[in-house]
Amino acid sequence: MWEPRWIASARTLFERAEIHTRTGFYEACAVAVTGAGSGIGRELARESSRRGSFLALADVDMAKVRETQGLCSTSDDVEVFQVDARDRDAVAAFAAGTVDRFGRCDVLIANAGVLHIGAVESTEYSEFDSVLAVNFGGVVNSVKAFLPHLRVTGRPARIVTVSSAGALSGCLSMLPTAQASSQSEGSREPARRARRDEHRGDRCVSRGRPDTNCAVRAVRTLPTPDVSVCRVHCSVNPAATL
């Protein structure tokens, strides 16, 4: 049966992750997800819930993240937060709120991101800054805020960063997104090596062809909006280090 690509992406992430950990890892696990209001973030939340996790969900749109809460298997085990990933204080409060609600955080999924499509010449400096602030800065803010809590969780912990396969496509019309994704993925390996002697794990997942809200919004900013353009530019197969 056909299903949207972001749903398949979320399920694949968890299935592959369990190969490298143990079946049932996410049961009674405290999981924090940014960008949980729609698309991949929403499905990551639903997959976590189906596996018995306690969830702390964050999104810049509170109405959307409450919708996600209602779609989870057990909404009583879900806490929602309105968070702009660019706001360091807000992300720190999200981390503290997660621990206050569940007593710990075992998994961070830094998923919040935006997609920009446009030629280099027509892309304003402010648009470059905005994409970098969310797609790279948001990951930095999330990892720094949650890492102290992940270190003391008392069980194996995980950090998952979700970036765009645009970093691998060499497509000039996705340059801001590609730059941010490259920085996000490039920062993963030094961080992983720094924690290799601890019971911590890192995953960097690159999404491909995401027919999600952020992709549609990006296409609608084009002079001649056409959803098919999004599908062309995002057709690179996901590259995952799981």
Protein backbone atom coordinates (compact mmCIF):
# COMPACT_ATOMS: atom_id res chain seq x y z
CA MET A 1 0.00 0.00 0.00
CA TRP A 2 1.31 3.45 -0.96
CA GLU A 3 2.33 5.78 1.82
CA PRO A 4 3.96 9.23 1.86
CA ARG A 5 7.75 9.16 1.72
CA TRP A 6 8.18 10.88 5.09
CA ILE A 7 6.22 8.07 6.78
CA ALA A 8 8.43 5.45 5.14
CA SER A 9 11.53 7.48 6.10
CA ALA A 10 10.51 7.56 9.75
CA ARG A 11 9.80 3.84 9.87
CA THR A 12 13.08 3.01 8.11
CA LEU A 13 15.04 5.11 10.59
CA PHE A 14 13.68 3.17 13.54
CA GLU A 15 13.99 -0.24 11.91
CA ARG A 16 17.65 0.36 11.03
CA ALA A 17 18.41 1.89 14.41
CA GLU A 18 17.09 -1.19 16.20
CA ILE A 19 19.45 -3.37 14.18
CA HIS A 20 22.34 -1.49 15.80
CA THR A 21 20.90 -1.42 19.32
CA ARG A 22 18.32 -3.94 20.48
CA THR A 23 14.72 -4.65 19.69
CA GLY A 24 12.53 -2.73 22.09
CA PHE A 25 15.13 -0.02 22.69
CA TYR A 26 12.50 2.72 22.42
CA GLU A 27 10.07 1.18 24.92
CA ALA A 28 9.76 3.45 27.98
CA CYS A 29 12.41 5.67 26.36
CA ALA A 30 12.22 9.46 26.80
CA VAL A 31 12.51 10.92 23.29
CA ALA A 32 12.74 14.61 22.37
CA VAL A 33 11.90 15.63 18.79
CA THR A 34 12.28 19.08 17.24
CA GLY A 35 10.26 20.07 14.17
CA ALA A 36 7.52 17.68 15.29
CA GLY A 37 4.59 19.68 13.93
CA SER A 38 4.46 18.06 10.50
CA GLY A 39 6.17 15.86 7.92
CA ILE A 40 9.08 13.69 8.99
CA GLY A 41 9.08 15.08 12.54
CA ARG A 42 5.44 14.15 13.02
CA GLU A 43 6.00 10.61 11.78
CA LEU A 44 9.12 10.21 13.93
CA ALA A 45 6.95 11.14 16.91
CA ARG A 46 4.24 8.67 15.90
CA GLU A 47 6.76 5.88 15.35
CA SER A 48 8.32 6.58 18.76
CA SER A 49 4.89 6.50 20.35
CA ARG A 50 4.02 3.21 18.67
CA ARG A 51 7.18 1.77 20.18
CA GLY A 52 6.16 2.85 23.68
CA SER A 53 8.28 5.99 24.12
CA PHE A 54 7.55 9.01 26.28
CA LEU A 55 7.67 12.06 24.04
CA ALA A 56 8.73 15.69 24.32
CA LEU A 57 7.71 17.35 21.06
CA ALA A 58 8.75 20.81 19.93
CA ASP A 59 7.78 22.97 16.99
CA VAL A 60 7.60 26.66 16.17
CA ASP A 61 3.86 26.17 15.47
CA MET A 62 2.09 25.19 18.69
CA ALA A 63 -1.19 24.29 16.96
CA LYS A 64 0.61 21.86 14.66
CA VAL A 65 2.56 20.15 17.40
CA ARG A 66 -0.67 19.71 19.38
CA GLU A 67 -2.11 17.98 16.32
CA THR A 68 0.86 15.63 16.39
CA GLN A 69 0.23 14.96 20.08
CA GLY A 70 -3.32 13.90 19.28
CA LEU A 71 -2.07 11.47 16.61
CA CYS A 72 0.28 9.65 18.99
CA SER A 73 -0.71 6.28 20.40
CA THR A 74 -0.84 7.51 23.99
CA SER A 75 -1.14 11.28 24.12
CA ASP A 76 -0.93 11.25 27.94
CA ASP A 77 2.75 10.33 27.57
CA VAL A 78 3.41 13.32 25.30
CA GLU A 79 4.47 16.83 26.35
CA VAL A 80 4.49 19.62 23.77
CA PHE A 81 6.56 22.79 23.60
CA GLN A 82 6.56 25.83 21.33
CA VAL A 83 10.19 26.25 20.33
CA ASP A 84 12.05 28.12 17.61
CA ALA A 85 15.21 26.06 17.02
CA ARG A 86 17.15 29.29 16.41
CA ASP A 87 16.38 30.53 19.94
CA ARG A 88 19.01 29.10 22.27
CA ASP A 89 17.16 30.02 25.43
CA ALA A 90 13.96 28.40 24.14
CA VAL A 91 15.82 25.21 23.19
CA ALA A 92 17.50 25.10 26.62
CA ALA A 93 14.08 25.49 28.25
CA PHE A 94 12.80 22.65 26.06
CA ALA A 95 15.60 20.39 27.29
CA ALA A 96 14.96 21.32 30.91
CA GLY A 97 11.21 20.86 30.44
CA THR A 98 11.75 17.39 28.99
CA VAL A 99 13.72 16.31 32.04
CA ASP A 100 11.24 17.94 34.40
CA ARG A 101 8.38 16.01 32.78
CA PHE A 102 9.99 12.58 32.34
CA GLY A 103 12.95 12.65 34.74
CA ARG A 104 15.48 12.13 31.95
CA CYS A 105 16.06 12.28 28.19
CA ASP A 106 17.37 9.20 26.38
CA VAL A 107 17.10 10.22 22.72
CA LEU A 108 17.32 13.56 20.95
CA ILE A 109 16.06 13.77 17.36
CA ALA A 110 17.13 17.15 15.95
CA ASN A 111 14.78 17.28 12.98
CA ALA A 112 13.73 20.94 12.70
CA GLY A 113 14.65 22.35 9.32
CA VAL A 114 13.59 24.48 6.37
CA LEU A 115 14.08 24.06 2.64
CA HIS A 116 15.02 26.88 0.31
CA ILE A 117 14.95 26.58 -3.48
CA GLY A 118 16.30 29.36 -5.67
CA ALA A 119 19.22 30.44 -7.82
CA VAL A 120 22.27 31.85 -6.05
CA GLU A 121 21.85 35.26 -7.71
CA SER A 122 18.23 35.62 -6.66
CA THR A 123 18.69 34.34 -3.11
CA GLU A 124 19.01 37.17 -0.59
CA TYR A 125 21.71 37.12 2.07
CA SER A 126 18.96 37.07 4.69
CA GLU A 127 17.64 33.83 3.18
CA PHE A 128 21.07 32.21 3.43
CA ASP A 129 21.27 33.37 7.05
CA SER A 130 17.80 32.06 7.86
CA VAL A 131 18.42 28.57 6.44
CA LEU A 132 21.78 28.26 8.19
CA ALA A 133 20.30 29.50 11.47
CA VAL A 134 17.62 26.80 11.47
CA ASN A 135 19.25 23.83 9.72
CA PHE A 136 22.71 24.14 11.26
CA GLY A 137 22.28 26.49 14.21
CA GLY A 138 19.20 24.61 15.35
CA VAL A 139 21.16 21.35 15.46
CA VAL A 140 23.97 22.98 17.44
CA ASN A 141 21.50 24.53 19.88
CA SER A 142 19.66 21.25 20.37
CA VAL A 143 22.74 19.07 20.84
CA LYS A 144 24.38 21.50 23.29
CA ALA A 145 21.18 21.86 25.32
CA PHE A 146 20.42 18.14 25.56
CA LEU A 147 23.90 16.62 25.76
CA PRO A 148 24.39 17.20 29.52
CA HIS A 149 21.09 15.39 30.16
CA LEU A 150 21.94 12.55 27.77
CA ARG A 151 25.24 11.96 29.56
CA VAL A 152 23.50 11.22 32.87
CA THR A 153 20.44 9.34 31.63
CA GLY A 154 21.61 6.05 33.15
CA ARG A 155 21.02 4.06 29.96
CA PRO A 156 22.41 4.06 26.41
CA ALA A 157 21.50 7.38 24.78
CA ARG A 158 21.14 8.47 21.17
CA ILE A 159 21.46 11.68 19.17
CA VAL A 160 19.84 11.71 15.73
CA THR A 161 20.32 14.67 13.40
CA VAL A 162 18.18 14.91 10.28
CA SER A 163 19.58 16.86 7.35
CA SER A 164 18.88 17.17 3.64
CA ALA A 165 20.22 15.01 0.84
CA GLY A 166 20.65 18.34 -0.94
CA ALA A 167 24.13 18.32 0.61
CA LEU A 168 24.94 15.44 -1.72
CA SER A 169 23.17 16.62 -4.87
CA GLY A 170 25.43 19.45 -6.02
CA CYS A 171 22.30 21.36 -7.03
CA LEU A 172 22.93 25.13 -7.19
CA SER A 173 19.26 25.91 -6.67
CA MET A 174 19.50 24.32 -3.21
CA LEU A 175 22.79 25.93 -2.16
CA PRO A 176 21.67 27.35 1.23
CA THR A 177 20.10 24.03 2.23
CA ALA A 178 23.13 22.10 0.97
CA GLN A 179 25.53 24.31 2.93
CA ALA A 180 23.61 23.93 6.15
CA SER A 181 23.28 20.17 5.72
CA SER A 182 26.98 19.78 4.94
CA GLN A 183 27.91 21.65 8.12
CA SER A 184 25.47 19.58 10.16
CA GLU A 185 26.82 16.28 8.83
CA GLY A 186 30.44 17.45 9.06
CA SER A 187 30.07 18.23 12.76
CA ARG A 188 28.77 14.75 13.54
CA GLU A 189 32.00 12.74 13.22
CA PRO A 190 34.11 14.80 15.69
CA ALA A 191 31.25 14.68 18.16
CA ARG A 192 30.89 10.93 17.74
CA ARG A 193 34.58 10.32 18.29
CA ALA A 194 34.53 12.46 21.41
CA ARG A 195 31.88 10.15 22.89
CA ARG A 196 32.95 6.79 21.49
CA ASP A 197 34.05 5.51 24.91
CA GLU A 198 30.65 6.32 26.39
CA HIS A 199 27.38 4.49 25.82
CA ARG A 200 26.23 7.15 23.40
CA GLY A 201 25.32 6.82 19.75
CA ASP A 202 24.92 9.27 16.91
CA ARG A 203 22.90 8.97 13.73
CA CYS A 204 22.88 11.40 10.82
CA VAL A 205 20.00 10.81 8.42
CA SER A 206 19.69 12.69 5.13
CA ARG A 207 16.16 12.91 3.82
CA GLY A 208 15.47 12.64 0.10
CA ARG A 209 12.46 13.73 -1.97
CA PRO A 210 10.46 14.90 1.06
CA ASP A 211 6.95 15.71 -0.20
CA THR A 212 6.36 17.53 3.10
CA ASN A 213 5.06 20.92 4.15
CA CYS A 214 8.51 22.53 4.20
CA ALA A 215 9.18 21.33 0.64
CA VAL A 216 5.84 22.63 -0.62
CA ARG A 217 6.40 26.00 1.08
CA ALA A 218 9.81 26.28 -0.57
CA VAL A 219 8.37 25.57 -4.01
CA ARG A 220 5.61 28.12 -3.52
CA THR A 221 8.21 30.87 -3.13
CA LEU A 222 9.42 30.28 -6.70
CA PRO A 223 8.34 32.79 -9.38
CA THR A 224 6.31 30.00 -11.01
CA PRO A 225 5.39 27.56 -8.22
CA ASP A 226 5.37 23.95 -9.36
CA VAL A 227 5.40 21.03 -6.96
CA SER A 228 7.12 18.89 -9.61
CA VAL A 229 10.19 21.14 -9.26
CA CYS A 230 10.44 20.09 -5.64
CA ARG A 231 10.36 16.46 -6.62
CA VAL A 232 13.12 16.94 -9.18
CA HIS A 233 15.43 18.79 -6.84
CA CYS A 234 14.81 16.43 -3.94
CA SER A 235 15.04 13.15 -5.82
CA VAL A 236 18.45 12.18 -4.42
CA ASN A 237 18.25 8.90 -2.53
CA PRO A 238 18.56 9.30 1.25
CA ALA A 239 22.06 8.61 2.59
CA ALA A 240 21.95 7.36 6.13
CA THR A 241 24.66 6.54 8.65
CA LEU A 242 22.76 4.31 11.04
